[in-house]
C-alpha atoms as a PDB file:
ATOM      1  CA  UNK A   1     -49.101 -20.885 -12.428  1.00  0.00           C
ATOM      2  CA  UNK A   2     -46.298 -19.915 -10.081  1.00  0.00           C
ATOM      3  CA  UNK A   3     -43.237 -22.120  -9.969  1.00  0.00           C
ATOM      4  CA  UNK A   4     -42.886 -24.370  -6.945  1.00  0.00           C
ATOM      5  CA  UNK A   5     -39.161 -23.440  -6.826  1.00  0.00           C
ATOM      6  CA  UNK A   6     -38.858 -19.713  -7.519  1.00  0.00           C
ATOM      7  CA  UNK A   7     -35.432 -18.327  -8.353  1.00  0.00           C
ATOM      8  CA  UNK A   8     -33.322 -17.621  -5.327  1.00  0.00           C
ATOM      9  CA  UNK A   9     -31.675 -14.227  -4.930  1.00  0.00           C
ATOM     10  CA  UNK A  10     -28.960 -12.503  -2.895  1.00  0.00           C
ATOM     11  CA  UNK A  11     -29.839  -9.321  -1.024  1.00  0.00           C
ATOM     12  CA  UNK A  12     -27.099  -6.726  -1.284  1.00  0.00           C
ATOM     13  CA  UNK A  13     -26.453  -3.774   0.980  1.00  0.00           C
ATOM     14  CA  UNK A  14     -27.074  -0.388  -0.631  1.00  0.00           C
ATOM     15  CA  UNK A  15     -23.966   0.907   1.150  1.00  0.00           C
ATOM     16  CA  UNK A  16     -21.896  -1.841  -0.457  1.00  0.00           C
ATOM     17  CA  UNK A  17     -23.253  -1.123  -3.936  1.00  0.00           C
ATOM     18  CA  UNK A  18     -22.614   2.613  -3.589  1.00  0.00           C
ATOM     19  CA  UNK A  19     -19.063   1.898  -2.435  1.00  0.00           C
ATOM     20  CA  UNK A  20     -18.444  -0.361  -5.441  1.00  0.00           C
ATOM     21  CA  UNK A  21     -19.825   2.021  -8.079  1.00  0.00           C
ATOM     22  CA  UNK A  22     -16.852   4.457  -8.169  1.00  0.00           C
ATOM     23  CA  UNK A  23     -14.267   1.645  -7.977  1.00  0.00           C
ATOM     24  CA  UNK A  24     -12.247   1.037 -11.129  1.00  0.00           C
ATOM     25  CA  UNK A  25     -12.264  -2.760 -11.102  1.00  0.00           C
ATOM     26  CA  UNK A  26     -11.080  -5.192 -13.724  1.00  0.00           C
ATOM     27  CA  UNK A  27     -13.423  -7.904 -14.932  1.00  0.00           C
ATOM     28  CA  UNK A  28     -11.636 -10.553 -12.867  1.00  0.00           C
ATOM     29  CA  UNK A  29     -11.723  -8.390  -9.722  1.00  0.00           C
ATOM     30  CA  UNK A  30     -15.455  -7.802 -10.113  1.00  0.00           C
ATOM     31  CA  UNK A  31     -16.123 -11.517 -10.620  1.00  0.00           C
ATOM     32  CA  UNK A  32     -14.126 -12.345  -7.477  1.00  0.00           C
ATOM     33  CA  UNK A  33     -16.302  -9.908  -5.520  1.00  0.00           C
ATOM     34  CA  UNK A  34     -19.431 -11.541  -6.967  1.00  0.00           C
ATOM     35  CA  UNK A  35     -18.083 -14.965  -5.933  1.00  0.00           C
ATOM     36  CA  UNK A  36     -17.504 -13.698  -2.391  1.00  0.00           C
ATOM     37  CA  UNK A  37     -21.019 -12.227  -2.207  1.00  0.00           C
ATOM     38  CA  UNK A  38     -22.568 -15.439  -3.500  1.00  0.00           C
ATOM     39  CA  UNK A  39     -20.716 -17.537  -0.930  1.00  0.00           C
ATOM     40  CA  UNK A  40     -21.252 -15.200   2.034  1.00  0.00           C
ATOM     41  CA  UNK A  41     -24.478 -13.203   1.803  1.00  0.00           C
ATOM     42  CA  UNK A  42     -25.891 -15.901  -0.453  1.00  0.00           C
ATOM     43  CA  UNK A  43     -25.625 -18.339   2.458  1.00  0.00           C
ATOM     44  CA  UNK A  44     -26.398 -15.810   5.225  1.00  0.00           C
ATOM     45  CA  UNK A  45     -22.884 -15.898   6.607  1.00  0.00           C
ATOM     46  CA  UNK A  46     -20.139 -13.312   7.025  1.00  0.00           C
ATOM     47  CA  UNK A  47     -17.137 -15.416   6.002  1.00  0.00           C
ATOM     48  CA  UNK A  48     -16.288 -18.386   3.851  1.00  0.00           C
ATOM     49  CA  UNK A  49     -13.078 -20.443   3.524  1.00  0.00           C
ATOM     50  CA  UNK A  50     -11.525 -20.539   0.085  1.00  0.00           C
ATOM     51  CA  UNK A  51      -8.563 -21.483  -2.078  1.00  0.00           C
ATOM     52  CA  UNK A  52      -7.494 -19.436  -5.068  1.00  0.00           C
ATOM     53  CA  UNK A  53      -7.603 -22.604  -7.185  1.00  0.00           C
ATOM     54  CA  UNK A  54     -11.219 -23.117  -6.102  1.00  0.00           C
ATOM     55  CA  UNK A  55     -12.202 -19.557  -7.121  1.00  0.00           C
ATOM     56  CA  UNK A  56     -10.306 -19.781 -10.420  1.00  0.00           C
ATOM     57  CA  UNK A  57     -12.063 -23.047 -11.289  1.00  0.00           C
ATOM     58  CA  UNK A  58     -15.468 -21.549 -10.521  1.00  0.00           C
ATOM     59  CA  UNK A  59     -14.698 -18.437 -12.598  1.00  0.00           C
ATOM     60  CA  UNK A  60     -13.244 -20.502 -15.421  1.00  0.00           C
ATOM     61  CA  UNK A  61     -10.018 -18.526 -15.320  1.00  0.00           C
ATOM     62  CA  UNK A  62      -6.296 -18.998 -14.866  1.00  0.00           C
ATOM     63  CA  UNK A  63      -5.268 -19.437 -11.227  1.00  0.00           C
ATOM     64  CA  UNK A  64      -2.311 -17.011 -11.510  1.00  0.00           C
ATOM     65  CA  UNK A  65      -4.525 -14.304 -13.028  1.00  0.00           C
ATOM     66  CA  UNK A  66      -7.166 -14.774 -10.348  1.00  0.00           C
ATOM     67  CA  UNK A  67      -4.531 -14.779  -7.599  1.00  0.00           C
ATOM     68  CA  UNK A  68      -3.023 -11.480  -8.802  1.00  0.00           C
ATOM     69  CA  UNK A  69      -6.478  -9.878  -9.018  1.00  0.00           C
ATOM     70  CA  UNK A  70      -7.285 -11.128  -5.521  1.00  0.00           C
ATOM     71  CA  UNK A  71      -4.055  -9.692  -4.136  1.00  0.00           C
ATOM     72  CA  UNK A  72      -4.908  -6.291  -5.619  1.00  0.00           C
ATOM     73  CA  UNK A  73      -8.282  -6.381  -3.881  1.00  0.00           C
ATOM     74  CA  UNK A  74      -6.738  -7.415  -0.562  1.00  0.00           C
ATOM     75  CA  UNK A  75      -4.073  -4.717  -0.743  1.00  0.00           C
ATOM     76  CA  UNK A  76      -6.602  -2.014  -1.640  1.00  0.00           C
ATOM     77  CA  UNK A  77      -8.158  -2.594   1.775  1.00  0.00           C
ATOM     78  CA  UNK A  78      -4.809  -1.730   3.397  1.00  0.00           C
ATOM     79  CA  UNK A  79      -4.541   1.788   1.939  1.00  0.00           C
ATOM     80  CA  UNK A  80      -7.042   3.372   4.413  1.00  0.00           C
ATOM     81  CA  UNK A  81      -5.171   1.661   7.266  1.00  0.00           C
ATOM     82  CA  UNK A  82      -1.894   3.139   6.044  1.00  0.00           C
ATOM     83  CA  UNK A  83      -3.352   6.656   5.846  1.00  0.00           C
ATOM     84  CA  UNK A  84      -4.783   6.355   9.367  1.00  0.00           C
ATOM     85  CA  UNK A  85      -1.427   5.113  10.715  1.00  0.00           C
ATOM     86  CA  UNK A  86       0.436   8.009   9.059  1.00  0.00           C
ATOM     87  CA  UNK A  87      -1.818  10.444  10.928  1.00  0.00           C
ATOM     88  CA  UNK A  88      -0.998   8.686  14.206  1.00  0.00           C
ATOM     89  CA  UNK A  89       2.713   8.275  13.473  1.00  0.00           C
ATOM     90  CA  UNK A  90       3.816  11.820  14.339  1.00  0.00           C
ATOM     91  CA  UNK A  91       5.188  10.817  17.759  1.00  0.00           C
ATOM     92  CA  UNK A  92       8.656   9.402  18.413  1.00  0.00           C
ATOM     93  CA  UNK A  93       7.189   5.906  18.823  1.00  0.00           C
ATOM     94  CA  UNK A  94       5.309   6.160  15.538  1.00  0.00           C
ATOM     95  CA  UNK A  95       2.344   3.937  14.737  1.00  0.00           C
ATOM     96  CA  UNK A  96       2.172   0.138  14.489  1.00  0.00           C
ATOM     97  CA  UNK A  97       0.387  -1.864  11.794  1.00  0.00           C
ATOM     98  CA  UNK A  98      -1.587  -4.849  13.075  1.00  0.00           C
ATOM     99  CA  UNK A  99      -1.323  -6.853  10.930  1.00  0.00           C
ATOM    100  CA  UNK A 100       1.634  -5.676   8.839  1.00  0.00           C
ATOM    101  CA  UNK A 101       1.078  -4.235   5.360  1.00  0.00           C
ATOM    102  CA  UNK A 102       3.025  -5.039   2.211  1.00  0.00           C
ATOM    103  CA  UNK A 103       5.223  -2.488   0.451  1.00  0.00           C
ATOM    104  CA  UNK A 104       2.886  -1.660  -2.446  1.00  0.00           C
ATOM    105  CA  UNK A 105      -0.180  -0.673  -0.381  1.00  0.00           C
ATOM    106  CA  UNK A 106       2.134   1.188   2.003  1.00  0.00           C
ATOM    107  CA  UNK A 107       3.502   3.317  -0.843  1.00  0.00           C
ATOM    108  CA  UNK A 108       0.005   3.815  -2.284  1.00  0.00           C
ATOM    109  CA  UNK A 109      -1.186   4.994   1.127  1.00  0.00           C
ATOM    110  CA  UNK A 110       1.736   7.433   1.381  1.00  0.00           C
ATOM    111  CA  UNK A 111       0.916   8.821  -2.067  1.00  0.00           C
ATOM    112  CA  UNK A 112      -2.797   9.160  -1.298  1.00  0.00           C
ATOM    113  CA  UNK A 113      -2.033  10.907   1.993  1.00  0.00           C
ATOM    114  CA  UNK A 114       0.387  13.500   0.560  1.00  0.00           C
ATOM    115  CA  UNK A 115      -0.856  13.993  -3.008  1.00  0.00           C
ATOM    116  CA  UNK A 116      -2.963  17.111  -2.363  1.00  0.00           C
ATOM    117  CA  UNK A 117      -0.939  18.575   0.529  1.00  0.00           C
ATOM    118  CA  UNK A 118       1.175  21.719  -0.030  1.00  0.00           C
ATOM    119  CA  UNK A 119       3.822  20.798   2.576  1.00  0.00           C
ATOM    120  CA  UNK A 120       6.710  18.381   2.314  1.00  0.00           C
ATOM    121  CA  UNK A 121       6.353  15.199   4.353  1.00  0.00           C
ATOM    122  CA  UNK A 122       8.802  12.507   5.371  1.00  0.00           C
ATOM    123  CA  UNK A 123       7.241   9.086   5.983  1.00  0.00           C
ATOM    124  CA  UNK A 124       9.441   6.205   7.124  1.00  0.00           C
ATOM    125  CA  UNK A 125       8.262   2.608   7.139  1.00  0.00           C
ATOM    126  CA  UNK A 126      10.072  -0.094   9.126  1.00  0.00           C
ATOM    127  CA  UNK A 127       9.676  -3.699   8.118  1.00  0.00           C
ATOM    128  CA  UNK A 128      11.273  -6.943   7.019  1.00  0.00           C
ATOM    129  CA  UNK A 129      11.912  -8.590   3.683  1.00  0.00           C
ATOM    130  CA  UNK A 130       9.285 -11.206   2.869  1.00  0.00           C
ATOM    131  CA  UNK A 131       9.697 -12.969  -0.465  1.00  0.00           C
ATOM    132  CA  UNK A 132       9.568 -10.325  -3.179  1.00  0.00           C
ATOM    133  CA  UNK A 133       8.042  -7.652  -0.970  1.00  0.00           C
ATOM    134  CA  UNK A 134       8.515  -5.928   2.383  1.00  0.00           C
ATOM    135  CA  UNK A 135       6.150  -6.381   5.310  1.00  0.00           C
ATOM    136  CA  UNK A 136       5.930  -2.949   6.941  1.00  0.00           C
ATOM    137  CA  UNK A 137       5.207  -3.172  10.670  1.00  0.00           C
ATOM    138  CA  UNK A 138       5.651   0.429  11.841  1.00  0.00           C
ATOM    139  CA  UNK A 139       5.647   3.977  10.462  1.00  0.00           C
ATOM    140  CA  UNK A 140       7.012   7.354  11.550  1.00  0.00           C
ATOM    141  CA  UNK A 141       5.767  10.624  10.080  1.00  0.00           C
ATOM    142  CA  UNK A 142       7.559  13.986  10.009  1.00  0.00           C
ATOM    143  CA  UNK A 143       5.617  16.757   8.360  1.00  0.00           C
ATOM    144  CA  UNK A 144       4.216  20.197   7.849  1.00  0.00           C
ATOM    145  CA  UNK A 145       7.046  22.398   6.581  1.00  0.00           C
ATOM    146  CA  UNK A 146       6.747  24.296   3.322  1.00  0.00           C
ATOM    147  CA  UNK A 147       9.589  23.724   0.844  1.00  0.00           C
ATOM    148  CA  UNK A 148      11.585  21.550   3.246  1.00  0.00           C
ATOM    149  CA  UNK A 149      11.292  18.861   5.885  1.00  0.00           C
ATOM    150  CA  UNK A 150      13.783  18.331   8.701  1.00  0.00           C
ATOM    151  CA  UNK A 151      14.870  14.879   9.830  1.00  0.00           C
ATOM    152  CA  UNK A 152      14.708  14.658  13.646  1.00  0.00           C
ATOM    153  CA  UNK A 153      17.527  12.914  15.474  1.00  0.00           C
ATOM    154  CA  UNK A 154      15.155  10.226  16.764  1.00  0.00           C
ATOM    155  CA  UNK A 155      14.253   9.283  13.170  1.00  0.00           C
ATOM    156  CA  UNK A 156      17.925   9.104  12.137  1.00  0.00           C
ATOM    157  CA  UNK A 157      18.733   6.878  15.104  1.00  0.00           C
ATOM    158  CA  UNK A 158      15.730   4.617  14.538  1.00  0.00           C
ATOM    159  CA  UNK A 159      16.546   4.161  10.836  1.00  0.00           C
ATOM    160  CA  UNK A 160      20.076   3.044  11.671  1.00  0.00           C
ATOM    161  CA  UNK A 161      18.980   0.884  14.603  1.00  0.00           C
ATOM    162  CA  UNK A 162      16.321  -0.946  12.592  1.00  0.00           C
ATOM    163  CA  UNK A 163      18.398  -1.375   9.450  1.00  0.00           C
ATOM    164  CA  UNK A 164      21.328  -2.980  11.244  1.00  0.00           C
ATOM    165  CA  UNK A 165      19.647  -5.086  13.934  1.00  0.00           C
ATOM    166  CA  UNK A 166      18.609  -7.863  11.514  1.00  0.00           C
ATOM    167  CA  UNK A 167      19.862  -8.966   8.118  1.00  0.00           C
ATOM    168  CA  UNK A 168      16.344  -8.962   6.622  1.00  0.00           C
ATOM    169  CA  UNK A 169      15.368  -5.563   8.047  1.00  0.00           C
ATOM    170  CA  UNK A 170      14.329  -2.959   5.487  1.00  0.00           C
ATOM    171  CA  UNK A 171      13.515   0.753   5.705  1.00  0.00           C
ATOM    172  CA  UNK A 172      11.234   2.494   3.206  1.00  0.00           C
ATOM    173  CA  UNK A 173      11.615   6.283   3.031  1.00  0.00           C
ATOM    174  CA  UNK A 174       8.865   8.294   1.314  1.00  0.00           C
ATOM    175  CA  UNK A 175       9.419  12.025   0.694  1.00  0.00           C
ATOM    176  CA  UNK A 176       7.015  14.086  -1.386  1.00  0.00           C
ATOM    177  CA  UNK A 177       7.861  17.177  -3.458  1.00  0.00           C
ATOM    178  CA  UNK A 178       4.590  19.122  -3.766  1.00  0.00           C
ATOM    179  CA  UNK A 179       4.029  21.537  -6.623  1.00  0.00           C
ATOM    180  CA  UNK A 180       3.682  24.984  -5.091  1.00  0.00           C
ATOM    181  CA  UNK A 181       3.064  26.881  -8.334  1.00  0.00           C
ATOM    182  CA  UNK A 182       5.904  29.348  -7.647  1.00  0.00           C
ATOM    183  CA  UNK A 183       8.492  27.599  -9.816  1.00  0.00           C
ATOM    184  CA  UNK A 184       9.256  28.843 -13.357  1.00  0.00           C
ATOM    185  CA  UNK A 185       7.711  27.054 -16.330  1.00  0.00           C
ATOM    186  CA  UNK A 186      11.033  25.557 -17.430  1.00  0.00           C
ATOM    187  CA  UNK A 187      11.143  23.684 -14.101  1.00  0.00           C
ATOM    188  CA  UNK A 188       7.951  21.761 -14.887  1.00  0.00           C
ATOM    189  CA  UNK A 189       9.149  21.170 -18.463  1.00  0.00           C
ATOM    190  CA  UNK A 190      12.297  19.578 -17.083  1.00  0.00           C
ATOM    191  CA  UNK A 191      10.265  17.480 -14.658  1.00  0.00           C
ATOM    192  CA  UNK A 192       8.047  16.228 -17.482  1.00  0.00           C
ATOM    193  CA  UNK A 193      11.143  15.179 -19.443  1.00  0.00           C
ATOM    194  CA  UNK A 194      12.218  13.243 -16.349  1.00  0.00           C
ATOM    195  CA  UNK A 195       8.765  11.590 -16.202  1.00  0.00           C
ATOM    196  CA  UNK A 196       7.902  13.897 -13.279  1.00  0.00           C
ATOM    197  CA  UNK A 197      10.363  12.248 -10.932  1.00  0.00           C
ATOM    198  CA  UNK A 198      11.318  14.410  -7.912  1.00  0.00           C
ATOM    199  CA  UNK A 199      14.490  16.427  -8.371  1.00  0.00           C
ATOM    200  CA  UNK A 200      16.579  15.964  -5.263  1.00  0.00           C
ATOM    201  CA  UNK A 201      17.703  19.154  -3.544  1.00  0.00           C
ATOM    202  CA  UNK A 202      21.261  19.746  -2.342  1.00  0.00           C
ATOM    203  CA  UNK A 203      20.069  19.059   1.219  1.00  0.00           C
ATOM    204  CA  UNK A 204      18.607  15.728   0.075  1.00  0.00           C
ATOM    205  CA  UNK A 205      21.867  14.762  -1.591  1.00  0.00           C
ATOM    206  CA  UNK A 206      23.872  15.684   1.507  1.00  0.00           C
ATOM    207  CA  UNK A 207      21.585  13.562   3.677  1.00  0.00           C
ATOM    208  CA  UNK A 208      22.060  10.561   1.380  1.00  0.00           C
ATOM    209  CA  UNK A 209      25.847  10.969   1.527  1.00  0.00           C
ATOM    210  CA  UNK A 210      25.776  11.478   5.287  1.00  0.00           C
ATOM    211  CA  UNK A 211      23.756   8.323   5.908  1.00  0.00           C
ATOM    212  CA  UNK A 212      25.290   6.160   3.178  1.00  0.00           C
ATOM    213  CA  UNK A 213      25.783   2.612   4.380  1.00  0.00           C
ATOM    214  CA  UNK A 214      29.133   0.888   4.075  1.00  0.00           C
ATOM    215  CA  UNK A 215      28.819  -1.797   1.305  1.00  0.00           C
ATOM    216  CA  UNK A 216      30.719  -4.252   3.484  1.00  0.00           C
ATOM    217  CA  UNK A 217      27.963  -4.211   6.106  1.00  0.00           C
ATOM    218  CA  UNK A 218      24.876  -3.597   4.010  1.00  0.00           C
ATOM    219  CA  UNK A 219      23.355  -1.229   1.500  1.00  0.00           C
ATOM    220  CA  UNK A 220      20.261   0.845   0.946  1.00  0.00           C
ATOM    221  CA  UNK A 221      18.051  -0.639  -1.719  1.00  0.00           C
ATOM    222  CA  UNK A 222      15.594   1.387  -3.754  1.00  0.00           C
ATOM    223  CA  UNK A 223      12.463  -0.610  -4.527  1.00  0.00           C
ATOM    224  CA  UNK A 224       9.923   0.097  -7.248  1.00  0.00           C
ATOM    225  CA  UNK A 225       6.283   0.474  -6.238  1.00  0.00           C
ATOM    226  CA  UNK A 226       5.403  -1.624  -9.295  1.00  0.00           C
ATOM    227  CA  UNK A 227       6.961  -4.788  -7.936  1.00  0.00           C
ATOM    228  CA  UNK A 228       4.228  -7.284  -7.125  1.00  0.00           C
ATOM    229  CA  UNK A 229       3.733  -8.579  -3.616  1.00  0.00           C
ATOM    230  CA  UNK A 230       3.587 -12.261  -2.744  1.00  0.00           C
ATOM    231  CA  UNK A 231       1.529 -14.181  -0.268  1.00  0.00           C
ATOM    232  CA  UNK A 232       3.063 -17.271   1.296  1.00  0.00           C
ATOM    233  CA  UNK A 233      -0.334 -18.737   2.085  1.00  0.00           C
ATOM    234  CA  UNK A 234      -2.612 -19.462  -0.929  1.00  0.00           C
ATOM    235  CA  UNK A 235      -5.498 -19.987   1.418  1.00  0.00           C
ATOM    236  CA  UNK A 236      -7.594 -17.455   3.265  1.00  0.00           C
ATOM    237  CA  UNK A 237     -10.953 -16.327   4.514  1.00  0.00           C
ATOM    238  CA  UNK A 238     -13.189 -14.213   2.324  1.00  0.00           C
ATOM    239  CA  UNK A 239     -15.801 -12.039   3.923  1.00  0.00           C
ATOM    240  CA  UNK A 240     -18.117  -9.120   3.476  1.00  0.00           C
ATOM    241  CA  UNK A 241     -18.086  -5.934   5.548  1.00  0.00           C
END
């Protein structure tokens, strides 16, 4: 005899499942996605309000762990936006992020964009300090020269203008050093000993000295891409594509 109350189910998009299959997700990240699907598609709606405490309680996990996993998922969505903006940012005005992106997804987008390209690229992000991260609002892109990349005057002027016009203004400069395959073997051995960090050329060093900022008025700050971002608002709206 059939049950009067058969088990309910959630219909999932094949496109969504195929997009999730190649993703390298942690257990907590996957469970957050399942929670979102249950509370959106499971109720035939596109969005649902949430608090990280609410999700953590439902998952039976620590709120801080769930929050960090959620931030990684939110930032992963920004990487395609960053790559698209870099393509548009080749003009003097650059490209604007609406809304702004945090430093980590910005750097990940820069790396994804340049990783397989044979030319050197200069990508400059303009933003403002926000807690422990930087909210990048605009990007300029100078590219497509083998073995070198020139810095146009309009980029130099904009870097100085932005950096000095507000005390919380920050500039992120990304410059790739592609492997061309023409260097001797000892060069790559040396790079591996340096954990494959780029070896600055004499031109790079001269540019740093030329544009060094007086310590009395401010200073350039190198930030690690491993620093976690922070959200000021623990509340948000979860949704499905």
